[in-house]
Amino acid sequence: MNIRRSTGFSKPDTSPVPRPEQTPDALRAALAVVDPKRLPEMRRTKDEAFAKAVEWQSLSPVRSWVLAWARDIEIARRPDLAARHARARSNLEHEDAATAREALRELSAVLDEAMKAVRA
């Protein structure tokens, strides 16, 4: 169940793509459906995360990688979040400072909503 920040009312998950499990294979399969052009980026960042995990002798880089991709896939699989994310990103460098600040606030809200959904 996803929560709307503005109203506090629950909104059912109506995405045509189900939320994937938080495993590398499930995340890769979901990304192949919702945003396949990002697959090379996912592979590159996965390799970087695993290299850091070995270097640091810690799983925290791998956990961070999983959460970041789960969040990005959550945004891509939900048309409402994807539209808000795209609008906010397009206005981040707007010439009007108030518009740029609002875009940053909205981008933060979208990322927070997606992260809450994948952590639920």
C-alpha atoms as a PDB file:
ATOM      1  CA  MET A   1       0.000   0.000   0.000  1.00  0.00           C
ATOM      2  CA  ASN A   2       1.311   3.434  -0.904  1.00  0.00           C
ATOM      3  CA  ILE A   3       0.634   6.503   1.214  1.00  0.00           C
ATOM      4  CA  ARG A   4      -0.071   9.933  -0.226  1.00  0.00           C
ATOM      5  CA  ARG A   5       1.862  12.572   1.655  1.00  0.00           C
ATOM      6  CA  SER A   6      -0.548  15.387   1.010  1.00  0.00           C
ATOM      7  CA  THR A   7      -3.779  13.769   2.205  1.00  0.00           C
ATOM      8  CA  GLY A   8      -2.692  10.959   4.473  1.00  0.00           C
ATOM      9  CA  PHE A   9      -5.100   8.573   2.700  1.00  0.00           C
ATOM     10  CA  SER A  10      -3.977   5.175   1.440  1.00  0.00           C
ATOM     11  CA  LYS A  11      -3.774   4.650  -2.290  1.00  0.00           C
ATOM     12  CA  PRO A  12      -3.721   1.138  -3.746  1.00  0.00           C
ATOM     13  CA  ASP A  13      -0.742   0.151  -5.875  1.00  0.00           C
ATOM     14  CA  THR A  14      -2.101   0.285  -9.432  1.00  0.00           C
ATOM     15  CA  SER A  15       1.185  -0.147 -11.278  1.00  0.00           C
ATOM     16  CA  PRO A  16       1.097  -2.651 -14.152  1.00  0.00           C
ATOM     17  CA  VAL A  17       4.515  -3.885 -12.940  1.00  0.00           C
ATOM     18  CA  PRO A  18       4.623  -5.513  -9.495  1.00  0.00           C
ATOM     19  CA  ARG A  19       7.146  -4.315  -6.939  1.00  0.00           C
ATOM     20  CA  PRO A  20      10.142  -6.655  -7.248  1.00  0.00           C
ATOM     21  CA  GLU A  21      11.848  -8.477  -4.430  1.00  0.00           C
ATOM     22  CA  GLN A  22      15.000  -6.755  -3.256  1.00  0.00           C
ATOM     23  CA  THR A  23      17.467  -9.137  -4.881  1.00  0.00           C
ATOM     24  CA  PRO A  24      19.854  -8.275  -7.720  1.00  0.00           C
ATOM     25  CA  ASP A  25      18.139 -10.676 -10.148  1.00  0.00           C
ATOM     26  CA  ALA A  26      14.620  -9.457  -9.350  1.00  0.00           C
ATOM     27  CA  LEU A  27      15.682  -5.808  -9.555  1.00  0.00           C
ATOM     28  CA  ARG A  28      17.423  -6.403 -12.905  1.00  0.00           C
ATOM     29  CA  ALA A  29      14.345  -8.167 -14.303  1.00  0.00           C
ATOM     30  CA  ALA A  30      12.075  -5.318 -13.188  1.00  0.00           C
ATOM     31  CA  LEU A  31      14.406  -2.668 -14.592  1.00  0.00           C
ATOM     32  CA  ALA A  32      14.444  -4.532 -17.923  1.00  0.00           C
ATOM     33  CA  VAL A  33      10.682  -3.936 -18.063  1.00  0.00           C
ATOM     34  CA  VAL A  34      10.348  -0.392 -16.689  1.00  0.00           C
ATOM     35  CA  ASP A  35      13.567   1.310 -17.878  1.00  0.00           C
ATOM     36  CA  PRO A  36      15.792  -1.024 -19.937  1.00  0.00           C
ATOM     37  CA  LYS A  37      18.116   1.751 -21.106  1.00  0.00           C
ATOM     38  CA  ARG A  38      19.443   1.952 -17.528  1.00  0.00           C
ATOM     39  CA  LEU A  39      20.600  -1.700 -17.424  1.00  0.00           C
ATOM     40  CA  PRO A  40      24.255  -0.818 -18.238  1.00  0.00           C
ATOM     41  CA  GLU A  41      24.216   1.765 -15.410  1.00  0.00           C
ATOM     42  CA  MET A  42      22.796  -0.851 -13.050  1.00  0.00           C
ATOM     43  CA  ARG A  43      25.549  -3.344 -13.959  1.00  0.00           C
ATOM     44  CA  ARG A  44      28.253  -0.705 -13.519  1.00  0.00           C
ATOM     45  CA  THR A  45      26.984   0.452 -10.131  1.00  0.00           C
ATOM     46  CA  LYS A  46      26.525  -3.161  -8.996  1.00  0.00           C
ATOM     47  CA  ASP A  47      30.154  -3.907  -9.834  1.00  0.00           C
ATOM     48  CA  GLU A  48      31.228  -0.773  -7.955  1.00  0.00           C
ATOM     49  CA  ALA A  49      29.127  -1.707  -4.910  1.00  0.00           C
ATOM     50  CA  PHE A  50      30.532  -5.232  -4.776  1.00  0.00           C
ATOM     51  CA  ALA A  51      34.098  -3.949  -5.165  1.00  0.00           C
ATOM     52  CA  LYS A  52      33.551  -1.529  -2.263  1.00  0.00           C
ATOM     53  CA  ALA A  53      32.004  -4.314  -0.193  1.00  0.00           C
ATOM     54  CA  VAL A  54      35.142  -6.407  -0.627  1.00  0.00           C
ATOM     55  CA  GLU A  55      37.448  -3.454   0.009  1.00  0.00           C
ATOM     56  CA  TRP A  56      35.542  -2.298   3.095  1.00  0.00           C
ATOM     57  CA  GLN A  57      34.744  -5.824   4.279  1.00  0.00           C
ATOM     58  CA  SER A  58      31.170  -4.674   4.725  1.00  0.00           C
ATOM     59  CA  LEU A  59      27.846  -5.389   3.067  1.00  0.00           C
ATOM     60  CA  SER A  60      26.693  -1.773   3.434  1.00  0.00           C
ATOM     61  CA  PRO A  61      27.622  -0.796  -0.163  1.00  0.00           C
ATOM     62  CA  VAL A  62      25.574  -3.735  -1.474  1.00  0.00           C
ATOM     63  CA  ARG A  63      22.611  -2.855   0.766  1.00  0.00           C
ATOM     64  CA  SER A  64      22.805   0.757  -0.429  1.00  0.00           C
ATOM     65  CA  TRP A  65      22.892  -0.410  -4.051  1.00  0.00           C
ATOM     66  CA  VAL A  66      19.810  -2.600  -3.545  1.00  0.00           C
ATOM     67  CA  LEU A  67      17.839   0.205  -1.868  1.00  0.00           C
ATOM     68  CA  ALA A  68      18.817   2.819  -4.452  1.00  0.00           C
ATOM     69  CA  TRP A  69      17.725   0.600  -7.345  1.00  0.00           C
ATOM     70  CA  ALA A  70      14.569  -0.550  -5.568  1.00  0.00           C
ATOM     71  CA  ARG A  71      13.706   3.144  -5.085  1.00  0.00           C
ATOM     72  CA  ASP A  72      14.424   4.043  -8.717  1.00  0.00           C
ATOM     73  CA  ILE A  73      12.405   1.071  -9.973  1.00  0.00           C
ATOM     74  CA  GLU A  74       9.532   2.067  -7.663  1.00  0.00           C
ATOM     75  CA  ILE A  75       9.510   5.488  -9.327  1.00  0.00           C
ATOM     76  CA  ALA A  76       9.718   4.046 -12.849  1.00  0.00           C
ATOM     77  CA  ARG A  77       6.993   1.432 -12.308  1.00  0.00           C
ATOM     78  CA  ARG A  78       4.477   3.951 -10.943  1.00  0.00           C
ATOM     79  CA  PRO A  79       3.240   6.456 -13.527  1.00  0.00           C
ATOM     80  CA  ASP A  80       2.254   8.991 -10.836  1.00  0.00           C
ATOM     81  CA  LEU A  81       5.731   9.048  -9.296  1.00  0.00           C
ATOM     82  CA  ALA A  82       7.480   8.896 -12.676  1.00  0.00           C
ATOM     83  CA  ALA A  83       5.581  11.974 -13.887  1.00  0.00           C
ATOM     84  CA  ARG A  84       6.287  13.925 -10.696  1.00  0.00           C
ATOM     85  CA  HIS A  85       9.961  12.882 -10.825  1.00  0.00           C
ATOM     86  CA  ALA A  86      10.356  13.958 -14.460  1.00  0.00           C
ATOM     87  CA  ARG A  87       8.626  17.311 -13.842  1.00  0.00           C
ATOM     88  CA  ALA A  88      10.774  18.053 -10.808  1.00  0.00           C
ATOM     89  CA  ARG A  89      14.027  17.104 -12.546  1.00  0.00           C
ATOM     90  CA  SER A  90      13.181  19.273 -15.539  1.00  0.00           C
ATOM     91  CA  ASN A  91      12.788  22.323 -13.296  1.00  0.00           C
ATOM     92  CA  LEU A  92      15.832  21.851 -11.050  1.00  0.00           C
ATOM     93  CA  GLU A  93      17.861  24.425 -12.986  1.00  0.00           C
ATOM     94  CA  HIS A  94      14.985  26.753 -13.795  1.00  0.00           C
ATOM     95  CA  GLU A  95      15.923  30.417 -14.143  1.00  0.00           C
ATOM     96  CA  ASP A  96      13.309  31.308 -11.519  1.00  0.00           C
ATOM     97  CA  ALA A  97      14.836  30.471  -8.124  1.00  0.00           C
ATOM     98  CA  ALA A  98      11.445  29.789  -6.514  1.00  0.00           C
ATOM     99  CA  THR A  99      10.587  27.293  -9.259  1.00  0.00           C
ATOM    100  CA  ALA A 100      13.956  25.569  -8.834  1.00  0.00           C
ATOM    101  CA  ARG A 101      13.485  25.398  -5.036  1.00  0.00           C
ATOM    102  CA  GLU A 102       9.993  23.921  -5.464  1.00  0.00           C
ATOM    103  CA  ALA A 103      11.394  21.385  -7.932  1.00  0.00           C
ATOM    104  CA  LEU A 104      14.027  20.354  -5.389  1.00  0.00           C
ATOM    105  CA  ARG A 105      11.376  20.022  -2.678  1.00  0.00           C
ATOM    106  CA  GLU A 106       9.183  17.930  -4.983  1.00  0.00           C
ATOM    107  CA  LEU A 107      12.093  15.732  -6.074  1.00  0.00           C
ATOM    108  CA  SER A 108      12.912  15.080  -2.426  1.00  0.00           C
ATOM    109  CA  ALA A 109       9.257  14.226  -1.728  1.00  0.00           C
ATOM    110  CA  VAL A 110       9.151  11.762  -4.642  1.00  0.00           C
ATOM    111  CA  LEU A 111      12.370  10.058  -3.521  1.00  0.00           C
ATOM    112  CA  ASP A 112      11.082   9.858   0.057  1.00  0.00           C
ATOM    113  CA  GLU A 113       7.730   8.398  -1.028  1.00  0.00           C
ATOM    114  CA  ALA A 114       9.434   5.784  -3.194  1.00  0.00           C
ATOM    115  CA  MET A 115      11.887   4.834  -0.431  1.00  0.00           C
ATOM    116  CA  LYS A 116       9.075   4.470   2.117  1.00  0.00           C
ATOM    117  CA  ALA A 117       7.221   2.203  -0.299  1.00  0.00           C
ATOM    118  CA  VAL A 118      10.173  -0.120  -0.842  1.00  0.00           C
ATOM    119  CA  ARG A 119      10.992  -0.245   2.863  1.00  0.00           C
ATOM    120  CA  ALA A 120       7.389  -1.056   3.850  1.00  0.00           C
END
